[in-house]
Structures are given as structure tokens and as C-alpha cells.
Amino acid sequence: MEHLEYEFGPFEPLPPGQAPALAGVVSSGNMEALLEPKALDGRLRFVIDTSIEGYTDTWQAVAANFAARHRVGNLLVTVNDAGATPSVVALRLAQAMEELRG
């Protein structure tokens, strides 16, 4: 297992009263993404646990791309990965963000 953490921002915080959002399931070749509003001084924080080691640069690029596209603060993104490809990661993050924003 590899544990990674990235932080971006500060950005404009999420509107108050947002409920957490979950997308995906942890299974072979898939992942889950949980997006939770948190008091993070306007920061967007990623906490990633992955079963595949050696892809730190890829994870950082995917997280940075998400941060650049959404620019949302006070958000904790927790990813539990079981070998998802970058396109699946982007899809799960987009699904969770869509659910979060309603």
C-alpha cells in the first residue's frame, strides 16, 4: 500500500451545508472517492491510499488537474484505490463532485 497526500489552494470554500458525496467501490481495477466538506482554511486536500506503488507523479497530476478544474476549498478528497486507471480516477472524482454539487 502507498499513502499519498496533496494539498491545493486556498480556493473559495464550498457553500455551507453540503453533504459528503461518494462515488465508486473498492474492487479490482476500481476505486472509491469520498468528498467531504471540512474546515481546511480554504484548502483542497487529497488523501490517497493505493494498492499500486510507484505512481506518485500520476496521482499528483490527477489531483492537480482536479484542483485546477474545480478550484473549491474546504474539501477533503479521500481516495481508496485498487488499481484504477487515471481515466477511471478522473471519472470517479467527477461523479463525486457532481453529486456533491447536486
C-alpha atoms as a PDB file:
ATOM      1  CA  MET A   1       0.000   0.000   0.000  1.00  0.00           C
ATOM      2  CA  GLU A   2       1.110   3.521  -0.727  1.00  0.00           C
ATOM      3  CA  HIS A   3      -0.244   6.542   1.158  1.00  0.00           C
ATOM      4  CA  LEU A   4      -0.155   9.920  -0.590  1.00  0.00           C
ATOM      5  CA  GLU A   5      -1.322  13.373   0.454  1.00  0.00           C
ATOM      6  CA  TYR A   6      -1.592  16.548  -1.634  1.00  0.00           C
ATOM      7  CA  GLU A   7      -2.955  19.986  -0.844  1.00  0.00           C
ATOM      8  CA  PHE A   8      -4.009  22.834  -3.155  1.00  0.00           C
ATOM      9  CA  GLY A   9      -5.407  26.318  -2.769  1.00  0.00           C
ATOM     10  CA  PRO A  10      -6.607  28.249  -0.981  1.00  0.00           C
ATOM     11  CA  PHE A  11      -9.781  28.459  -3.048  1.00  0.00           C
ATOM     12  CA  GLU A  12     -13.281  29.793  -2.497  1.00  0.00           C
ATOM     13  CA  PRO A  13     -14.899  27.474   0.082  1.00  0.00           C
ATOM     14  CA  LEU A  14     -17.845  25.241  -0.672  1.00  0.00           C
ATOM     15  CA  PRO A  15     -21.224  26.722   0.207  1.00  0.00           C
ATOM     16  CA  PRO A  16     -22.233  25.774   3.764  1.00  0.00           C
ATOM     17  CA  GLY A  17     -24.445  22.762   4.399  1.00  0.00           C
ATOM     18  CA  GLN A  18     -23.007  20.470   1.743  1.00  0.00           C
ATOM     19  CA  ALA A  19     -23.353  16.750   2.450  1.00  0.00           C
ATOM     20  CA  PRO A  20     -20.477  14.347   1.695  1.00  0.00           C
ATOM     21  CA  ALA A  21     -20.512  12.524  -1.649  1.00  0.00           C
ATOM     22  CA  LEU A  22     -19.245   9.036  -2.505  1.00  0.00           C
ATOM     23  CA  ALA A  23     -18.588   7.540  -5.937  1.00  0.00           C
ATOM     24  CA  GLY A  24     -17.284   4.113  -6.902  1.00  0.00           C
ATOM     25  CA  VAL A  25     -16.413   0.977  -4.986  1.00  0.00           C
ATOM     26  CA  VAL A  26     -13.101  -0.510  -3.974  1.00  0.00           C
ATOM     27  CA  SER A  27     -12.580  -3.563  -6.168  1.00  0.00           C
ATOM     28  CA  SER A  28     -10.018  -4.808  -8.629  1.00  0.00           C
ATOM     29  CA  GLY A  29      -9.330  -2.082 -11.181  1.00  0.00           C
ATOM     30  CA  ASN A  30     -11.651   0.400  -9.486  1.00  0.00           C
ATOM     31  CA  MET A  31     -11.661   2.890  -6.622  1.00  0.00           C
ATOM     32  CA  GLU A  32     -13.880   4.942  -4.370  1.00  0.00           C
ATOM     33  CA  ALA A  33     -13.753   8.685  -3.899  1.00  0.00           C
ATOM     34  CA  LEU A  34     -15.283  10.368  -0.870  1.00  0.00           C
ATOM     35  CA  LEU A  35     -15.629  14.153  -0.961  1.00  0.00           C
ATOM     36  CA  GLU A  36     -16.287  15.750   2.430  1.00  0.00           C
ATOM     37  CA  PRO A  37     -16.687  19.400   3.314  1.00  0.00           C
ATOM     38  CA  LYS A  38     -14.141  20.194   6.060  1.00  0.00           C
ATOM     39  CA  ALA A  39     -12.739  23.319   7.677  1.00  0.00           C
ATOM     40  CA  LEU A  40      -9.379  23.411   5.861  1.00  0.00           C
ATOM     41  CA  ASP A  41      -8.735  27.172   5.621  1.00  0.00           C
ATOM     42  CA  GLY A  42      -9.881  27.174   2.003  1.00  0.00           C
ATOM     43  CA  ARG A  43      -7.640  24.265   1.032  1.00  0.00           C
ATOM     44  CA  LEU A  44      -8.441  21.241  -1.109  1.00  0.00           C
ATOM     45  CA  ARG A  45      -6.763  18.183   0.426  1.00  0.00           C
ATOM     46  CA  PHE A  46      -6.322  14.759  -1.174  1.00  0.00           C
ATOM     47  CA  VAL A  47      -5.623  11.667   0.937  1.00  0.00           C
ATOM     48  CA  ILE A  48      -4.957   8.660  -1.285  1.00  0.00           C
ATOM     49  CA  ASP A  49      -4.383   5.037  -0.331  1.00  0.00           C
ATOM     50  CA  THR A  50      -3.495   2.861  -3.294  1.00  0.00           C
ATOM     51  CA  SER A  51      -2.585  -0.789  -3.685  1.00  0.00           C
ATOM     52  CA  ILE A  52      -0.286   0.033  -6.618  1.00  0.00           C
ATOM     53  CA  GLU A  53       3.044   1.601  -5.704  1.00  0.00           C
ATOM     54  CA  GLY A  54       5.208   3.817  -7.906  1.00  0.00           C
ATOM     55  CA  TYR A  55       2.605   6.140  -9.439  1.00  0.00           C
ATOM     56  CA  THR A  56       3.170   9.193  -7.255  1.00  0.00           C
ATOM     57  CA  ASP A  57       3.657  11.518 -10.250  1.00  0.00           C
ATOM     58  CA  THR A  58       0.472  10.263 -11.900  1.00  0.00           C
ATOM     59  CA  TRP A  59      -1.578  10.717  -8.731  1.00  0.00           C
ATOM     60  CA  GLN A  60      -0.182  14.200  -8.226  1.00  0.00           C
ATOM     61  CA  ALA A  61      -1.068  15.143 -11.815  1.00  0.00           C
ATOM     62  CA  VAL A  62      -4.639  13.810 -11.484  1.00  0.00           C
ATOM     63  CA  ALA A  63      -5.129  15.635  -8.161  1.00  0.00           C
ATOM     64  CA  ALA A  64      -3.672  18.875  -9.547  1.00  0.00           C
ATOM     65  CA  ASN A  65      -5.915  18.629 -12.618  1.00  0.00           C
ATOM     66  CA  PHE A  66      -8.997  18.184 -10.401  1.00  0.00           C
ATOM     67  CA  ALA A  67      -7.943  21.155  -8.257  1.00  0.00           C
ATOM     68  CA  ALA A  68      -7.382  23.358 -11.319  1.00  0.00           C
ATOM     69  CA  ARG A  69     -10.749  22.438 -12.843  1.00  0.00           C
ATOM     70  CA  HIS A  70     -12.879  22.758  -9.723  1.00  0.00           C
ATOM     71  CA  ARG A  71     -10.987  25.318  -7.586  1.00  0.00           C
ATOM     72  CA  VAL A  72     -13.022  24.523  -4.471  1.00  0.00           C
ATOM     73  CA  GLY A  73     -11.803  24.984  -0.920  1.00  0.00           C
ATOM     74  CA  ASN A  74     -12.635  23.345   2.402  1.00  0.00           C
ATOM     75  CA  LEU A  75     -12.876  19.959   0.740  1.00  0.00           C
ATOM     76  CA  LEU A  76     -11.275  16.685   1.786  1.00  0.00           C
ATOM     77  CA  VAL A  77     -10.992  14.123  -1.009  1.00  0.00           C
ATOM     78  CA  THR A  78     -10.313  10.606   0.248  1.00  0.00           C
ATOM     79  CA  VAL A  79      -9.436   8.011  -2.384  1.00  0.00           C
ATOM     80  CA  ASN A  80      -9.218   4.270  -1.762  1.00  0.00           C
ATOM     81  CA  ASP A  81      -7.726   2.730  -4.895  1.00  0.00           C
ATOM     82  CA  ALA A  82      -7.474  -0.861  -6.078  1.00  0.00           C
ATOM     83  CA  GLY A  83      -5.593  -0.239  -9.317  1.00  0.00           C
ATOM     84  CA  ALA A  84      -7.842   2.187 -11.202  1.00  0.00           C
ATOM     85  CA  THR A  85      -6.502   3.788 -14.358  1.00  0.00           C
ATOM     86  CA  PRO A  86      -6.185   7.592 -14.463  1.00  0.00           C
ATOM     87  CA  SER A  87      -9.329   7.815 -16.609  1.00  0.00           C
ATOM     88  CA  VAL A  88     -11.331   5.849 -14.016  1.00  0.00           C
ATOM     89  CA  VAL A  89      -9.923   8.067 -11.268  1.00  0.00           C
ATOM     90  CA  ALA A  90     -10.992  11.198 -13.163  1.00  0.00           C
ATOM     91  CA  LEU A  91     -14.443   9.688 -13.772  1.00  0.00           C
ATOM     92  CA  ARG A  92     -14.994   8.792 -10.096  1.00  0.00           C
ATOM     93  CA  LEU A  93     -13.836  12.231  -8.946  1.00  0.00           C
ATOM     94  CA  ALA A  94     -16.168  13.910 -11.454  1.00  0.00           C
ATOM     95  CA  GLN A  95     -19.077  11.708 -10.340  1.00  0.00           C
ATOM     96  CA  ALA A  96     -18.499  12.538  -6.690  1.00  0.00           C
ATOM     97  CA  MET A  97     -18.163  16.249  -7.457  1.00  0.00           C
ATOM     98  CA  GLU A  98     -21.403  16.221  -9.431  1.00  0.00           C
ATOM     99  CA  GLU A  99     -23.175  14.523  -6.534  1.00  0.00           C
ATOM    100  CA  LEU A 100     -21.654  16.963  -4.050  1.00  0.00           C
ATOM    101  CA  ARG A 101     -22.847  19.980  -6.020  1.00  0.00           C
ATOM    102  CA  GLY A 102     -26.275  18.434  -6.638  1.00  0.00           C
END
